[in-house]
Amino acid sequence: MQQNWNLGQIYEKKIQDILRDRGLLPDHLCDNDAGFKHHGLPFFVEVKNRTAPDFGQKKINWTKQRGWHWTEKDDITDLYDQFGVLKYIDRSFVPRRYTVSANSISMLDKRFDQQQFEKRGIMLDNPKYLYEFYAKKNCYYIQIEDKGFYHLKTDAANLIVPRFMPELTLRLRAKTHHSIPIYSYSFFAVIQVKTNRMVKSLFDLEEKVGEFPPIAG
């Protein structure tokens, strides 16, 4: 996972450098990956390299009193609640991560938690969850490595670029943070994109799969 994170950061910088060299990168990105100036106004871009098409990862905790619940509630968990994410967790599953003392957790305990919690391929009915996720960050564009440049909820800069219309799935996973100690893992929900089934855009900030978008600066 660390390797994917590094590749993602490298690709973000590459896109930032392309926009900076063209004099388009805004002075402030407001916690977004990249952005561009169009007719003097800033617009923000989510950037994803080919190996890390995950979105909106949120941690889930368990207690005997409350059962499964979000570690921190925010706009994204509100969207997940609209979809009913927590209902996909087996109600009879009691995680050993929270019921066995940390130093006593074995690899068998960890594997049990991973197998019981893991769910892949839960289809999201449409990309509105992804659109709303980024709209709350005032981000309306996305660049996917080897797929190109798209708009999200709306084509806010009126660039006439295609809308990002991927197949989205929800994944529940017990994610390892460190191999040692064994109990260093947590439970997460994350949106994943089936990039292998995406239609390539006619536009691309890298100009590899399409032409550079008509950004005026």
Protein backbone atom coordinates (compact mmCIF):
# COMPACT_ATOMS: atom_id res chain seq x y z
CA MET A 1 0.00 0.00 0.00
CA GLN A 2 2.88 2.36 0.69
CA GLN A 3 4.09 1.88 -2.87
CA ASN A 4 0.67 2.83 -4.28
CA TRP A 5 0.56 5.89 -2.03
CA ASN A 6 3.96 7.01 -3.33
CA LEU A 7 2.91 6.49 -6.95
CA GLY A 8 -0.22 8.50 -6.30
CA GLN A 9 1.77 11.38 -4.83
CA ILE A 10 4.22 11.27 -7.74
CA TYR A 11 1.37 11.46 -10.24
CA GLU A 12 -0.25 14.37 -8.38
CA LYS A 13 3.02 16.31 -8.59
CA LYS A 14 3.34 15.49 -12.27
CA ILE A 15 -0.09 16.96 -12.99
CA GLN A 16 0.63 19.99 -10.81
CA ASP A 17 3.88 20.57 -12.71
CA ILE A 18 2.09 20.38 -16.07
CA LEU A 19 -0.44 22.98 -14.96
CA ARG A 20 2.23 25.15 -13.34
CA ASP A 21 4.35 25.14 -16.51
CA ARG A 22 1.33 26.37 -18.44
CA GLY A 23 0.74 29.13 -15.89
CA LEU A 24 -2.59 27.58 -14.90
CA LEU A 25 -2.01 26.26 -11.37
CA PRO A 26 -3.82 28.33 -8.71
CA ASP A 27 -1.83 29.72 -5.80
CA HIS A 28 -3.97 27.77 -3.33
CA LEU A 29 -5.46 24.30 -3.85
CA CYS A 30 -7.64 24.27 -0.70
CA ASP A 31 -6.67 20.68 0.17
CA ASN A 32 -7.33 19.42 -3.37
CA ASP A 33 -4.81 17.49 -5.47
CA ALA A 34 -4.50 20.02 -8.30
CA GLY A 35 -6.35 22.83 -9.99
CA PHE A 36 -6.40 25.30 -12.86
CA LYS A 37 -7.32 28.90 -13.56
CA HIS A 38 -9.95 29.50 -16.24
CA HIS A 39 -10.81 33.10 -17.12
CA GLY A 40 -9.08 34.04 -13.88
CA LEU A 41 -11.19 31.79 -11.65
CA PRO A 42 -9.81 28.75 -9.79
CA PHE A 43 -11.18 25.25 -10.35
CA PHE A 44 -9.98 22.12 -8.59
CA VAL A 45 -9.03 18.69 -9.88
CA GLU A 46 -8.90 15.29 -8.19
CA VAL A 47 -5.92 13.29 -9.48
CA LYS A 48 -5.75 9.49 -9.50
CA ASN A 49 -2.96 7.32 -10.84
CA ARG A 50 -3.83 3.99 -12.42
CA THR A 51 -3.01 1.91 -9.34
CA ALA A 52 -5.05 3.74 -6.69
CA PRO A 53 -8.64 4.36 -7.84
CA ASP A 54 -10.10 4.47 -4.31
CA PHE A 55 -12.28 7.27 -2.97
CA GLY A 56 -13.71 8.37 0.35
CA GLN A 57 -12.08 5.87 2.69
CA LYS A 58 -13.69 6.05 6.16
CA LYS A 59 -12.84 4.17 9.34
CA ILE A 60 -15.45 2.12 11.22
CA ASN A 61 -15.21 1.18 14.90
CA TRP A 62 -17.08 -1.35 17.06
CA THR A 63 -18.14 -1.26 20.70
CA LYS A 64 -20.43 -3.57 22.66
CA GLN A 65 -22.70 -0.64 23.47
CA ARG A 66 -22.98 0.91 20.01
CA GLY A 67 -22.05 -1.88 17.62
CA TRP A 68 -20.53 -0.66 14.33
CA HIS A 69 -20.21 3.10 13.96
CA TRP A 70 -18.10 5.69 12.17
CA THR A 71 -14.93 6.78 13.98
CA GLU A 72 -15.72 10.36 12.97
CA LYS A 73 -18.90 11.57 11.34
CA ASP A 74 -18.61 14.05 8.49
CA ASP A 75 -20.13 14.87 5.11
CA ILE A 76 -18.77 11.66 3.60
CA THR A 77 -20.13 9.37 6.28
CA ASP A 78 -23.48 11.15 5.88
CA LEU A 79 -23.43 10.11 2.22
CA TYR A 80 -22.50 6.58 3.21
CA ASP A 81 -25.42 6.54 5.65
CA GLN A 82 -27.77 7.54 2.82
CA PHE A 83 -26.59 4.44 0.98
CA GLY A 84 -26.81 2.31 4.12
CA VAL A 85 -23.18 1.17 4.19
CA LEU A 86 -23.20 -0.14 7.75
CA LYS A 87 -26.08 -2.49 7.03
CA TYR A 88 -23.76 -4.58 4.85
CA ILE A 89 -21.78 -5.65 7.93
CA ASP A 90 -23.00 -8.96 9.36
CA ARG A 91 -24.79 -8.06 12.63
CA SER A 92 -23.66 -11.32 14.24
CA PHE A 93 -19.98 -10.56 13.60
CA VAL A 94 -18.15 -9.55 16.79
CA PRO A 95 -14.61 -8.43 15.88
CA ARG A 96 -11.79 -9.94 17.85
CA ARG A 97 -9.82 -6.73 17.34
CA TYR A 98 -12.10 -5.11 19.94
CA THR A 99 -12.93 -8.10 22.15
CA VAL A 100 -9.52 -9.74 22.62
CA SER A 101 -6.78 -7.87 24.48
CA ALA A 102 -4.45 -6.26 21.95
CA ASN A 103 -1.32 -8.17 22.95
CA SER A 104 -3.21 -11.49 22.81
CA ILE A 105 -4.48 -11.11 19.22
CA SER A 106 -3.08 -13.86 16.99
CA MET A 107 -2.80 -14.13 13.23
CA LEU A 108 -5.83 -16.46 13.35
CA ASP A 109 -7.81 -13.71 15.09
CA LYS A 110 -6.74 -11.16 12.52
CA ARG A 111 -7.60 -13.44 9.60
CA PHE A 112 -10.97 -14.19 11.17
CA ASP A 113 -11.75 -10.47 11.36
CA GLN A 114 -10.57 -9.89 7.79
CA GLN A 115 -12.63 -12.75 6.38
CA GLN A 116 -15.77 -11.88 8.32
CA PHE A 117 -15.64 -8.16 7.53
CA GLU A 118 -14.44 -8.28 3.91
CA LYS A 119 -17.05 -7.51 1.26
CA ARG A 120 -16.28 -6.52 -2.32
CA GLY A 121 -18.27 -5.51 -5.33
CA ILE A 122 -21.27 -3.94 -3.60
CA MET A 123 -22.69 -1.99 -6.52
CA LEU A 124 -23.48 1.70 -6.04
CA ASP A 125 -26.54 2.54 -8.11
CA ASN A 126 -24.98 5.66 -9.64
CA PRO A 127 -21.96 7.94 -9.18
CA LYS A 128 -23.87 10.57 -7.17
CA TYR A 129 -22.02 9.53 -4.00
CA LEU A 130 -18.72 10.31 -5.69
CA TYR A 131 -20.02 13.57 -7.18
CA GLU A 132 -21.30 14.77 -3.83
CA PHE A 133 -18.08 13.75 -2.11
CA TYR A 134 -16.05 16.07 -4.33
CA ALA A 135 -18.66 18.82 -4.59
CA LYS A 136 -18.28 19.28 -0.84
CA LYS A 137 -14.60 20.01 -1.55
CA ASN A 138 -15.57 22.43 -4.34
CA CYS A 139 -13.89 20.01 -6.78
CA TYR A 140 -15.63 19.39 -10.11
CA TYR A 141 -12.94 17.76 -12.28
CA ILE A 142 -10.91 14.59 -12.20
CA GLN A 143 -7.80 13.37 -14.03
CA ILE A 144 -7.28 9.60 -14.24
CA GLU A 145 -3.92 8.33 -15.47
CA ASP A 146 -4.24 6.64 -18.89
CA LYS A 147 -7.97 7.50 -19.01
CA GLY A 148 -7.96 11.29 -19.19
CA PHE A 149 -9.80 14.35 -17.90
CA TYR A 150 -13.49 14.48 -16.95
CA HIS A 151 -15.97 16.63 -15.04
CA LEU A 152 -17.70 15.36 -11.93
CA LYS A 153 -21.02 16.72 -10.60
CA THR A 154 -21.05 19.58 -13.07
CA ASP A 155 -18.81 21.04 -15.78
CA ALA A 156 -18.32 24.13 -13.62
CA ALA A 157 -15.88 25.87 -16.00
CA ASN A 158 -17.97 24.98 -19.09
CA LEU A 159 -15.04 23.21 -20.76
CA ILE A 160 -17.34 20.76 -22.61
CA VAL A 161 -15.43 17.73 -21.34
CA PRO A 162 -17.16 14.37 -20.74
CA ARG A 163 -18.67 13.46 -17.42
CA PHE A 164 -16.93 10.91 -15.22
CA MET A 165 -19.33 7.95 -15.41
CA PRO A 166 -17.52 4.93 -13.94
CA GLU A 167 -18.94 1.79 -12.43
CA LEU A 168 -18.58 2.20 -8.68
CA THR A 169 -18.47 -0.46 -6.02
CA LEU A 170 -18.25 -0.34 -2.27
CA ARG A 171 -15.65 -2.37 -0.41
CA LEU A 172 -15.52 -3.19 3.29
CA ARG A 173 -12.07 -4.24 4.45
CA ALA A 174 -9.93 -4.82 7.54
CA LYS A 175 -6.82 -2.94 6.50
CA THR A 176 -3.37 -3.67 7.90
CA HIS A 177 -1.43 -0.60 9.02
CA HIS A 178 1.74 -2.43 10.07
CA SER A 179 2.59 -6.14 10.10
CA ILE A 180 3.89 -5.81 13.66
CA PRO A 181 2.17 -5.70 16.09
CA ILE A 182 -0.50 -8.07 14.78
CA TYR A 183 -3.34 -5.92 16.16
CA SER A 184 -2.30 -2.97 13.96
CA TYR A 185 -5.31 -3.12 11.64
CA SER A 186 -8.62 -1.28 11.37
CA PHE A 187 -11.96 -1.52 9.57
CA PHE A 188 -12.81 0.71 6.62
CA ALA A 189 -15.37 1.43 3.93
CA VAL A 190 -14.12 2.73 0.58
CA ILE A 191 -15.51 3.44 -2.89
CA GLN A 192 -13.66 1.76 -5.76
CA VAL A 193 -13.77 2.44 -9.50
CA LYS A 194 -13.66 -0.21 -12.22
CA THR A 195 -11.11 1.61 -14.36
CA ASN A 196 -10.78 -1.30 -16.80
CA ARG A 197 -14.35 -0.66 -17.95
CA MET A 198 -14.09 3.12 -18.21
CA VAL A 199 -14.44 4.93 -21.54
CA LYS A 200 -11.39 7.09 -22.18
CA SER A 201 -11.91 10.83 -22.33
CA LEU A 202 -11.16 12.90 -25.41
CA PHE A 203 -9.19 15.22 -23.10
CA ASP A 204 -6.12 14.59 -21.01
CA LEU A 205 -3.91 16.93 -18.96
CA GLU A 206 -0.95 14.74 -19.93
CA GLU A 207 -2.00 14.71 -23.62
CA LYS A 208 -1.43 10.96 -23.79
CA VAL A 209 -4.95 9.69 -24.52
CA GLY A 210 -6.53 12.97 -25.64
CA GLU A 211 -5.91 16.67 -26.23
CA PHE A 212 -5.36 19.25 -23.52
CA PRO A 213 -8.68 20.66 -22.25
CA PRO A 214 -9.67 24.13 -23.53
CA ILE A 215 -8.57 25.95 -20.36
CA ALA A 216 -8.20 29.67 -20.96
CA GLY A 217 -6.12 30.60 -17.93
